[in-house]
Amino acid sequence: MKRLIDITLSLAALPLALALGLPFAIAIWLGDRQSPIYGGTRVGKDWKPYRQYKLRSMIVDAEKSRIYATPKNDSRITPIGRFIRHYKLDEWPQLWNVLRGEMSLVGPRPNTLHECRMYSAEEKRILSITPGITDVASIVFSDEQSIINGSSDPNLAYHQLVRPWKSRYCLLYVERRTLLVDLELIAFTVLLFFSRTLALTCLQHVLRRMGAGPDLLSIARRESPLVPFPPPGMTTVVDSTFGKAETAIEAISKVSLSGRGGHVPPDTNPELHVAPTQPQAA
């Protein structure tokens, strides 16, 4: 039934996506005469890589900077890119990923292979289901760019402030997902464009029904500043991150995407340094 809803709603939304997206696609192309569509490698269900499509909001080859988190003031973002990112218009092409079965309308937001190899054993359960265009974390952290804005290390800020709770919301969804929850999260995502406060308030009721604990309910209200906290399955706060043999990881991904391989083996993690500090409550 979930797949039927994905296909039905995606097909219904396609005309609107084309009508809204085409003028921006033309504007992006006129800006630098480069493709307006960006296809970044992401990790899907069971570690299977796929191309996730977006309207390109950054300069060409922006990913070569190795900055995976994107602050609001990121110099890689183009002028038109700032507008389409603000209104989430860059996400529309992912309806194609949904129709192909690589994504769902609702599910954990996909990450790069580099980030997924940093997952704890507990976080790896997130990859047991199909990733989605929106989820609980997408609503709670709709201002993610502002959260990490101004940080000297956006990647680290993401792993200290956003990832710990994003992963917990994803794990909650993995365990307690229902079709009703999916429909509610789609509705709240639309509501975000009109009132973030109201969307977060409505989300509280769904989280309680899903059995979320006091910490998840508190973070979802977004009334207090986020502070560094350990990811699920870890007891210490992430202190620094860097990939081991990143080019080899990318090579594995390219082989899988080319059809010569199926799934990426999750047995080798990048090196992860953590600070032996006590977790702080947000």
C-alpha atoms as a PDB file:
ATOM      1  CA  MET A   1       0.000   0.000   0.000  1.00  0.00           C
ATOM      2  CA  LYS A   2       2.864   2.408   0.795  1.00  0.00           C
ATOM      3  CA  ARG A   3       4.290   1.881  -2.686  1.00  0.00           C
ATOM      4  CA  LEU A   4       0.870   2.536  -4.256  1.00  0.00           C
ATOM      5  CA  ILE A   5       0.581   5.811  -2.322  1.00  0.00           C
ATOM      6  CA  ASP A   6       4.108   6.796  -3.408  1.00  0.00           C
ATOM      7  CA  ILE A   7       3.317   6.230  -7.073  1.00  0.00           C
ATOM      8  CA  THR A   8      -0.130   7.855  -6.958  1.00  0.00           C
ATOM      9  CA  LEU A   9       0.954  11.010  -5.144  1.00  0.00           C
ATOM     10  CA  SER A  10       4.166  11.344  -7.162  1.00  0.00           C
ATOM     11  CA  LEU A  11       2.292  11.128 -10.467  1.00  0.00           C
ATOM     12  CA  ALA A  12      -0.252  13.648  -9.177  1.00  0.00           C
ATOM     13  CA  ALA A  13       2.530  16.046  -8.129  1.00  0.00           C
ATOM     14  CA  LEU A  14       4.555  15.753 -11.336  1.00  0.00           C
ATOM     15  CA  PRO A  15       2.633  18.379 -13.362  1.00  0.00           C
ATOM     16  CA  LEU A  16       3.116  20.907 -10.544  1.00  0.00           C
ATOM     17  CA  ALA A  17       6.777  19.917 -10.215  1.00  0.00           C
ATOM     18  CA  LEU A  18       7.348  20.468 -13.920  1.00  0.00           C
ATOM     19  CA  ALA A  19       5.471  23.773 -13.942  1.00  0.00           C
ATOM     20  CA  LEU A  20       7.451  25.110 -10.975  1.00  0.00           C
ATOM     21  CA  GLY A  21      10.761  23.508 -11.795  1.00  0.00           C
ATOM     22  CA  LEU A  22      11.158  24.257 -15.496  1.00  0.00           C
ATOM     23  CA  PRO A  23      11.608  28.069 -15.166  1.00  0.00           C
ATOM     24  CA  PHE A  24      14.211  27.551 -12.442  1.00  0.00           C
ATOM     25  CA  ALA A  25      15.979  24.853 -14.455  1.00  0.00           C
ATOM     26  CA  ILE A  26      16.281  27.315 -17.345  1.00  0.00           C
ATOM     27  CA  ALA A  27      17.536  30.048 -14.985  1.00  0.00           C
ATOM     28  CA  ILE A  28      20.174  27.685 -13.555  1.00  0.00           C
ATOM     29  CA  TRP A  29      21.370  26.759 -17.047  1.00  0.00           C
ATOM     30  CA  LEU A  30      21.520  30.397 -18.124  1.00  0.00           C
ATOM     31  CA  GLY A  31      23.654  31.159 -15.074  1.00  0.00           C
ATOM     32  CA  ASP A  32      26.655  29.046 -16.089  1.00  0.00           C
ATOM     33  CA  ARG A  33      25.568  26.996 -19.128  1.00  0.00           C
ATOM     34  CA  GLN A  34      25.882  23.795 -17.095  1.00  0.00           C
ATOM     35  CA  SER A  35      23.294  21.084 -16.436  1.00  0.00           C
ATOM     36  CA  PRO A  36      20.559  22.297 -14.069  1.00  0.00           C
ATOM     37  CA  ILE A  37      20.136  18.764 -12.702  1.00  0.00           C
ATOM     38  CA  TYR A  38      22.504  17.385 -10.096  1.00  0.00           C
ATOM     39  CA  GLY A  39      22.699  13.649  -9.499  1.00  0.00           C
ATOM     40  CA  GLY A  40      24.561  12.955  -6.261  1.00  0.00           C
ATOM     41  CA  THR A  41      25.382   9.472  -5.012  1.00  0.00           C
ATOM     42  CA  ARG A  42      23.370   8.490  -1.948  1.00  0.00           C
ATOM     43  CA  VAL A  43      22.990   5.250  -0.009  1.00  0.00           C
ATOM     44  CA  GLY A  44      19.607   3.596  -0.206  1.00  0.00           C
ATOM     45  CA  LYS A  45      17.976   0.587   1.409  1.00  0.00           C
ATOM     46  CA  ASP A  46      20.410  -2.195   2.361  1.00  0.00           C
ATOM     47  CA  TRP A  47      23.418  -0.008   1.448  1.00  0.00           C
ATOM     48  CA  LYS A  48      22.516   0.091  -2.245  1.00  0.00           C
ATOM     49  CA  PRO A  49      23.848   3.320  -3.878  1.00  0.00           C
ATOM     50  CA  TYR A  50      21.714   5.313  -6.288  1.00  0.00           C
ATOM     51  CA  ARG A  51      21.674   8.717  -7.972  1.00  0.00           C
ATOM     52  CA  GLN A  52      19.507  11.205  -6.109  1.00  0.00           C
ATOM     53  CA  TYR A  53      18.343  13.980  -8.407  1.00  0.00           C
ATOM     54  CA  LYS A  54      17.965  17.643  -7.495  1.00  0.00           C
ATOM     55  CA  LEU A  55      17.815  20.990  -9.206  1.00  0.00           C
ATOM     56  CA  ARG A  56      21.431  22.128  -8.940  1.00  0.00           C
ATOM     57  CA  SER A  57      21.717  24.858  -6.322  1.00  0.00           C
ATOM     58  CA  MET A  58      25.528  24.961  -6.138  1.00  0.00           C
ATOM     59  CA  ILE A  59      28.439  25.592  -8.434  1.00  0.00           C
ATOM     60  CA  VAL A  60      29.587  22.691 -10.600  1.00  0.00           C
ATOM     61  CA  ASP A  61      31.760  20.131  -8.777  1.00  0.00           C
ATOM     62  CA  ALA A  62      30.874  21.606  -5.370  1.00  0.00           C
ATOM     63  CA  GLU A  63      31.186  18.143  -3.813  1.00  0.00           C
ATOM     64  CA  LYS A  64      34.938  18.146  -4.437  1.00  0.00           C
ATOM     65  CA  SER A  65      35.311  20.424  -1.419  1.00  0.00           C
ATOM     66  CA  ARG A  66      34.493  17.409   0.821  1.00  0.00           C
ATOM     67  CA  ILE A  67      32.044  19.561   2.770  1.00  0.00           C
ATOM     68  CA  TYR A  68      28.959  17.385   3.153  1.00  0.00           C
ATOM     69  CA  ALA A  69      26.933  19.697   5.394  1.00  0.00           C
ATOM     70  CA  THR A  70      25.688  22.938   3.860  1.00  0.00           C
ATOM     71  CA  PRO A  71      25.487  26.073   6.023  1.00  0.00           C
ATOM     72  CA  LYS A  72      23.228  28.927   5.016  1.00  0.00           C
ATOM     73  CA  ASN A  73      26.162  31.148   4.038  1.00  0.00           C
ATOM     74  CA  ASP A  74      27.933  28.445   2.000  1.00  0.00           C
ATOM     75  CA  SER A  75      29.863  30.171  -0.788  1.00  0.00           C
ATOM     76  CA  ARG A  76      29.211  27.215  -3.100  1.00  0.00           C
ATOM     77  CA  ILE A  77      25.514  28.077  -3.327  1.00  0.00           C
ATOM     78  CA  THR A  78      24.569  30.093  -6.402  1.00  0.00           C
ATOM     79  CA  PRO A  79      22.218  33.114  -6.211  1.00  0.00           C
ATOM     80  CA  ILE A  80      19.324  31.205  -7.773  1.00  0.00           C
ATOM     81  CA  GLY A  81      20.313  28.237  -5.622  1.00  0.00           C
ATOM     82  CA  ARG A  82      19.650  30.162  -2.419  1.00  0.00           C
ATOM     83  CA  PHE A  83      16.098  30.816  -3.517  1.00  0.00           C
ATOM     84  CA  ILE A  84      15.241  27.273  -4.567  1.00  0.00           C
ATOM     85  CA  ARG A  85      16.867  25.808  -1.432  1.00  0.00           C
ATOM     86  CA  HIS A  86      14.869  28.141   0.795  1.00  0.00           C
ATOM     87  CA  TYR A  87      11.603  26.944  -0.710  1.00  0.00           C
ATOM     88  CA  LYS A  88      12.808  23.328  -1.156  1.00  0.00           C
ATOM     89  CA  LEU A  89      12.230  23.568  -4.906  1.00  0.00           C
ATOM     90  CA  ASP A  90      15.505  21.740  -5.512  1.00  0.00           C
ATOM     91  CA  GLU A  91      13.929  18.558  -4.096  1.00  0.00           C
ATOM     92  CA  TRP A  92      11.218  18.193  -6.757  1.00  0.00           C
ATOM     93  CA  PRO A  93      13.265  15.980  -9.136  1.00  0.00           C
ATOM     94  CA  GLN A  94      13.340  13.326  -6.406  1.00  0.00           C
ATOM     95  CA  LEU A  95       9.812  12.425  -7.437  1.00  0.00           C
ATOM     96  CA  TRP A  96      11.584  10.584 -10.252  1.00  0.00           C
ATOM     97  CA  ASN A  97      13.579   8.640  -7.659  1.00  0.00           C
ATOM     98  CA  VAL A  98      10.297   7.760  -5.954  1.00  0.00           C
ATOM     99  CA  LEU A  99       8.740   6.508  -9.193  1.00  0.00           C
ATOM    100  CA  ARG A 100      11.864   4.392  -9.807  1.00  0.00           C
ATOM    101  CA  GLY A 101      11.495   2.826  -6.375  1.00  0.00           C
ATOM    102  CA  GLU A 102      14.802   4.190  -5.089  1.00  0.00           C
ATOM    103  CA  MET A 103      13.073   6.510  -2.635  1.00  0.00           C
ATOM    104  CA  SER A 104       9.726   6.878  -0.913  1.00  0.00           C
ATOM    105  CA  LEU A 105       7.805  10.064  -0.231  1.00  0.00           C
ATOM    106  CA  VAL A 106       8.401   9.456   3.487  1.00  0.00           C
ATOM    107  CA  GLY A 107      11.477   7.820   4.961  1.00  0.00           C
ATOM    108  CA  PRO A 108      14.866   8.671   6.480  1.00  0.00           C
ATOM    109  CA  ARG A 109      16.699  11.278   4.433  1.00  0.00           C
ATOM    110  CA  PRO A 110      19.547   9.570   2.568  1.00  0.00           C
ATOM    111  CA  ASN A 111      23.189  10.302   3.261  1.00  0.00           C
ATOM    112  CA  THR A 112      26.418   9.975   1.315  1.00  0.00           C
ATOM    113  CA  LEU A 113      28.418   6.777   1.593  1.00  0.00           C
ATOM    114  CA  HIS A 114      31.078   8.652   3.554  1.00  0.00           C
ATOM    115  CA  GLU A 115      28.540   9.614   6.212  1.00  0.00           C
ATOM    116  CA  CYS A 116      26.843   6.208   6.329  1.00  0.00           C
ATOM    117  CA  ARG A 117      30.164   4.495   7.012  1.00  0.00           C
ATOM    118  CA  MET A 118      30.397   6.631  10.141  1.00  0.00           C
ATOM    119  CA  TYR A 119      27.166   5.175  11.528  1.00  0.00           C
ATOM    120  CA  SER A 120      27.196   3.280  14.789  1.00  0.00           C
ATOM    121  CA  ALA A 121      25.837  -0.260  14.733  1.00  0.00           C
ATOM    122  CA  GLU A 122      22.518   1.093  15.960  1.00  0.00           C
ATOM    123  CA  GLU A 123      22.332   3.792  13.291  1.00  0.00           C
ATOM    124  CA  LYS A 124      22.922   1.265  10.531  1.00  0.00           C
ATOM    125  CA  ARG A 125      19.375   0.024  11.126  1.00  0.00           C
ATOM    126  CA  ILE A 126      18.256   3.217   9.382  1.00  0.00           C
ATOM    127  CA  LEU A 127      19.435   1.658   6.125  1.00  0.00           C
ATOM    128  CA  SER A 128      17.002  -1.247   6.511  1.00  0.00           C
ATOM    129  CA  ILE A 129      14.190   0.752   4.891  1.00  0.00           C
ATOM    130  CA  THR A 130      13.805   2.903   1.777  1.00  0.00           C
ATOM    131  CA  PRO A 131      14.959   6.530   2.189  1.00  0.00           C
ATOM    132  CA  GLY A 132      12.476   9.324   1.620  1.00  0.00           C
ATOM    133  CA  ILE A 133      11.961  12.914   0.526  1.00  0.00           C
ATOM    134  CA  THR A 134      10.679  13.934   3.954  1.00  0.00           C
ATOM    135  CA  ASP A 135      10.564  12.548   7.486  1.00  0.00           C
ATOM    136  CA  VAL A 136      10.324  13.644  11.107  1.00  0.00           C
ATOM    137  CA  ALA A 137      13.863  15.066  11.083  1.00  0.00           C
ATOM    138  CA  SER A 138      13.153  17.031   7.896  1.00  0.00           C
ATOM    139  CA  ILE A 139      10.424  18.884   9.780  1.00  0.00           C
ATOM    140  CA  VAL A 140      12.284  19.310  13.062  1.00  0.00           C
ATOM    141  CA  PHE A 141      15.490  20.439  11.341  1.00  0.00           C
ATOM    142  CA  SER A 142      14.000  22.329   8.406  1.00  0.00           C
ATOM    143  CA  ASP A 143      16.398  25.101   9.449  1.00  0.00           C
ATOM    144  CA  GLU A 144      19.468  22.849   9.363  1.00  0.00           C
ATOM    145  CA  GLN A 145      21.397  25.342   7.231  1.00  0.00           C
ATOM    146  CA  SER A 146      20.939  27.991   9.917  1.00  0.00           C
ATOM    147  CA  ILE A 147      21.890  25.590  12.721  1.00  0.00           C
ATOM    148  CA  ILE A 148      25.360  24.988  11.281  1.00  0.00           C
ATOM    149  CA  ASN A 149      25.741  28.464   9.805  1.00  0.00           C
ATOM    150  CA  GLY A 150      28.870  30.290  10.943  1.00  0.00           C
ATOM    151  CA  SER A 151      30.632  27.120  12.059  1.00  0.00           C
ATOM    152  CA  SER A 152      34.305  26.805  11.134  1.00  0.00           C
ATOM    153  CA  ASP A 153      33.656  23.101  10.479  1.00  0.00           C
ATOM    154  CA  PRO A 154      30.130  22.538   9.083  1.00  0.00           C
ATOM    155  CA  ASN A 155      30.665  18.768   8.895  1.00  0.00           C
ATOM    156  CA  LEU A 156      31.548  18.579  12.584  1.00  0.00           C
ATOM    157  CA  ALA A 157      28.698  20.893  13.563  1.00  0.00           C
ATOM    158  CA  TYR A 158      26.278  18.599  11.738  1.00  0.00           C
ATOM    159  CA  HIS A 159      27.608  15.492  13.486  1.00  0.00           C
ATOM    160  CA  GLN A 160      27.513  17.138  16.903  1.00  0.00           C
ATOM    161  CA  LEU A 161      24.226  19.035  16.740  1.00  0.00           C
ATOM    162  CA  VAL A 162      21.962  17.512  14.086  1.00  0.00           C
ATOM    163  CA  ARG A 163      22.987  13.900  13.489  1.00  0.00           C
ATOM    164  CA  PRO A 164      22.426  12.699  17.100  1.00  0.00           C
ATOM    165  CA  TRP A 165      18.743  13.634  17.012  1.00  0.00           C
ATOM    166  CA  LYS A 166      18.154  13.107  13.314  1.00  0.00           C
ATOM    167  CA  SER A 167      19.297   9.495  13.687  1.00  0.00           C
ATOM    168  CA  ARG A 168      17.074   9.003  16.750  1.00  0.00           C
ATOM    169  CA  TYR A 169      14.030  10.266  14.856  1.00  0.00           C
ATOM    170  CA  CYS A 170      14.912   7.977  11.950  1.00  0.00           C
ATOM    171  CA  LEU A 171      15.187   4.965  14.267  1.00  0.00           C
ATOM    172  CA  LEU A 172      11.840   5.850  15.842  1.00  0.00           C
ATOM    173  CA  TYR A 173      10.310   5.919  12.360  1.00  0.00           C
ATOM    174  CA  VAL A 174      11.905   2.569  11.461  1.00  0.00           C
ATOM    175  CA  GLU A 175      10.280   0.994  14.519  1.00  0.00           C
ATOM    176  CA  ARG A 176       6.888   2.773  14.588  1.00  0.00           C
ATOM    177  CA  ARG A 177       6.090   3.741  10.995  1.00  0.00           C
ATOM    178  CA  THR A 178       2.544   3.411   9.667  1.00  0.00           C
ATOM    179  CA  LEU A 179       0.678   4.658   6.614  1.00  0.00           C
ATOM    180  CA  LEU A 180      -1.149   7.167   8.819  1.00  0.00           C
ATOM    181  CA  VAL A 181       2.161   8.546  10.076  1.00  0.00           C
ATOM    182  CA  ASP A 182       3.366   8.858   6.468  1.00  0.00           C
ATOM    183  CA  LEU A 183       0.309  10.847   5.425  1.00  0.00           C
ATOM    184  CA  GLU A 184       0.612  13.096   8.484  1.00  0.00           C
ATOM    185  CA  LEU A 185       4.290  13.794   7.813  1.00  0.00           C
ATOM    186  CA  ILE A 186       3.510  14.695   4.187  1.00  0.00           C
ATOM    187  CA  ALA A 187       0.817  17.101   5.415  1.00  0.00           C
ATOM    188  CA  PHE A 188       3.159  18.671   8.004  1.00  0.00           C
ATOM    189  CA  THR A 189       5.862  19.091   5.367  1.00  0.00           C
ATOM    190  CA  VAL A 190       3.436  21.108   3.255  1.00  0.00           C
ATOM    191  CA  LEU A 191       2.383  23.033   6.367  1.00  0.00           C
ATOM    192  CA  LEU A 192       6.022  24.060   6.919  1.00  0.00           C
ATOM    193  CA  PHE A 193       5.751  26.460   3.993  1.00  0.00           C
ATOM    194  CA  PHE A 194       2.998  28.365   5.778  1.00  0.00           C
ATOM    195  CA  SER A 195       3.799  28.002   9.490  1.00  0.00           C
ATOM    196  CA  ARG A 196       6.803  26.200  10.922  1.00  0.00           C
ATOM    197  CA  THR A 197       5.483  26.754  14.450  1.00  0.00           C
ATOM    198  CA  LEU A 198       2.171  25.085  13.634  1.00  0.00           C
ATOM    199  CA  ALA A 199       3.917  22.190  11.866  1.00  0.00           C
ATOM    200  CA  LEU A 200       6.106  21.538  14.912  1.00  0.00           C
ATOM    201  CA  THR A 201       3.085  21.743  17.207  1.00  0.00           C
ATOM    202  CA  CYS A 202       1.154  19.200  15.125  1.00  0.00           C
ATOM    203  CA  LEU A 203       4.221  16.946  15.009  1.00  0.00           C
ATOM    204  CA  GLN A 204       4.173  16.693  18.830  1.00  0.00           C
ATOM    205  CA  HIS A 205       0.921  14.735  18.722  1.00  0.00           C
ATOM    206  CA  VAL A 206       2.290  12.267  16.184  1.00  0.00           C
ATOM    207  CA  LEU A 207       5.540  11.775  18.115  1.00  0.00           C
ATOM    208  CA  ARG A 208       3.621  11.036  21.312  1.00  0.00           C
ATOM    209  CA  ARG A 209       1.510   8.472  19.488  1.00  0.00           C
ATOM    210  CA  MET A 210       4.693   6.890  18.139  1.00  0.00           C
ATOM    211  CA  GLY A 211       6.023   6.560  21.670  1.00  0.00           C
ATOM    212  CA  ALA A 212       8.736   9.224  21.534  1.00  0.00           C
ATOM    213  CA  GLY A 213      10.461   9.908  24.838  1.00  0.00           C
ATOM    214  CA  PRO A 214      10.681  13.282  26.612  1.00  0.00           C
ATOM    215  CA  ASP A 215      14.052  14.081  25.022  1.00  0.00           C
ATOM    216  CA  LEU A 216      12.767  13.619  21.470  1.00  0.00           C
ATOM    217  CA  LEU A 217       9.626  15.612  22.253  1.00  0.00           C
ATOM    218  CA  SER A 218      11.707  18.426  23.742  1.00  0.00           C
ATOM    219  CA  ILE A 219      14.100  18.642  20.789  1.00  0.00           C
ATOM    220  CA  ALA A 220      11.156  18.572  18.337  1.00  0.00           C
ATOM    221  CA  ARG A 221       9.736  21.722  19.930  1.00  0.00           C
ATOM    222  CA  ARG A 222      12.985  23.540  19.002  1.00  0.00           C
ATOM    223  CA  GLU A 223      12.606  25.963  21.870  1.00  0.00           C
ATOM    224  CA  SER A 224      16.200  25.625  23.156  1.00  0.00           C
ATOM    225  CA  PRO A 225      19.574  25.853  21.384  1.00  0.00           C
ATOM    226  CA  LEU A 226      21.076  22.547  20.316  1.00  0.00           C
ATOM    227  CA  VAL A 227      24.248  21.429  22.086  1.00  0.00           C
ATOM    228  CA  PRO A 228      26.723  18.634  21.193  1.00  0.00           C
ATOM    229  CA  PHE A 229      25.317  15.195  21.981  1.00  0.00           C
ATOM    230  CA  PRO A 230      26.379  11.612  21.174  1.00  0.00           C
ATOM    231  CA  PRO A 231      24.757   9.813  18.232  1.00  0.00           C
ATOM    232  CA  PRO A 232      22.636   6.765  19.120  1.00  0.00           C
ATOM    233  CA  GLY A 233      24.811   3.774  19.903  1.00  0.00           C
ATOM    234  CA  MET A 234      27.702   5.968  21.048  1.00  0.00           C
ATOM    235  CA  THR A 235      28.514   7.316  24.513  1.00  0.00           C
ATOM    236  CA  THR A 236      30.724  10.236  23.523  1.00  0.00           C
ATOM    237  CA  VAL A 237      30.315  13.324  21.380  1.00  0.00           C
ATOM    238  CA  VAL A 238      31.876  13.279  17.926  1.00  0.00           C
ATOM    239  CA  ASP A 239      35.055  15.351  18.100  1.00  0.00           C
ATOM    240  CA  SER A 240      36.345  15.132  14.516  1.00  0.00           C
ATOM    241  CA  THR A 241      35.685  13.126  11.415  1.00  0.00           C
ATOM    242  CA  PHE A 242      37.705  12.256   8.362  1.00  0.00           C
ATOM    243  CA  GLY A 243      37.376   9.557   5.734  1.00  0.00           C
ATOM    244  CA  LYS A 244      39.772   6.698   5.230  1.00  0.00           C
ATOM    245  CA  ALA A 245      40.506   5.895   1.598  1.00  0.00           C
ATOM    246  CA  GLU A 246      37.729   8.164   0.377  1.00  0.00           C
ATOM    247  CA  THR A 247      38.606   7.656  -3.255  1.00  0.00           C
ATOM    248  CA  ALA A 248      38.267   3.920  -2.758  1.00  0.00           C
ATOM    249  CA  ILE A 249      34.820   4.451  -1.253  1.00  0.00           C
ATOM    250  CA  GLU A 250      33.792   6.523  -4.259  1.00  0.00           C
ATOM    251  CA  ALA A 251      35.134   3.844  -6.588  1.00  0.00           C
ATOM    252  CA  ILE A 252      32.953   1.229  -4.877  1.00  0.00           C
ATOM    253  CA  SER A 253      29.968   3.502  -5.292  1.00  0.00           C
ATOM    254  CA  LYS A 254      30.636   4.082  -8.985  1.00  0.00           C
ATOM    255  CA  VAL A 255      30.970   0.360  -9.630  1.00  0.00           C
ATOM    256  CA  SER A 256      27.645  -0.312  -7.934  1.00  0.00           C
ATOM    257  CA  LEU A 257      25.899   2.477  -9.836  1.00  0.00           C
ATOM    258  CA  SER A 258      27.271   1.257 -13.142  1.00  0.00           C
ATOM    259  CA  GLY A 259      25.549  -2.072 -12.696  1.00  0.00           C
ATOM    260  CA  ARG A 260      28.687  -4.136 -12.074  1.00  0.00           C
ATOM    261  CA  GLY A 261      27.940  -4.407  -8.378  1.00  0.00           C
ATOM    262  CA  GLY A 262      24.847  -4.540  -6.234  1.00  0.00           C
ATOM    263  CA  HIS A 263      25.243  -3.387  -2.681  1.00  0.00           C
ATOM    264  CA  VAL A 264      28.068  -1.589  -0.956  1.00  0.00           C
ATOM    265  CA  PRO A 265      29.500  -3.690   1.894  1.00  0.00           C
ATOM    266  CA  PRO A 266      29.180  -1.782   5.173  1.00  0.00           C
ATOM    267  CA  ASP A 267      32.067  -3.528   6.906  1.00  0.00           C
ATOM    268  CA  THR A 268      34.682  -0.754   6.717  1.00  0.00           C
ATOM    269  CA  ASN A 269      34.046   2.448   8.645  1.00  0.00           C
ATOM    270  CA  PRO A 270      36.015   5.665   8.250  1.00  0.00           C
ATOM    271  CA  GLU A 271      38.116   6.635  11.224  1.00  0.00           C
ATOM    272  CA  LEU A 272      36.100   8.425  13.836  1.00  0.00           C
ATOM    273  CA  HIS A 273      37.572  10.451  16.692  1.00  0.00           C
ATOM    274  CA  VAL A 274      35.415  11.292  19.674  1.00  0.00           C
ATOM    275  CA  ALA A 275      35.910  13.487  22.667  1.00  0.00           C
ATOM    276  CA  PRO A 276      35.641  11.743  26.062  1.00  0.00           C
ATOM    277  CA  THR A 277      33.196  14.329  27.366  1.00  0.00           C
ATOM    278  CA  GLN A 278      29.921  13.764  29.147  1.00  0.00           C
ATOM    279  CA  PRO A 279      26.744  14.107  27.026  1.00  0.00           C
ATOM    280  CA  GLN A 280      24.888  17.335  27.551  1.00  0.00           C
ATOM    281  CA  ALA A 281      21.148  17.546  27.558  1.00  0.00           C
ATOM    282  CA  ALA A 282      19.595  19.882  25.046  1.00  0.00           C
END
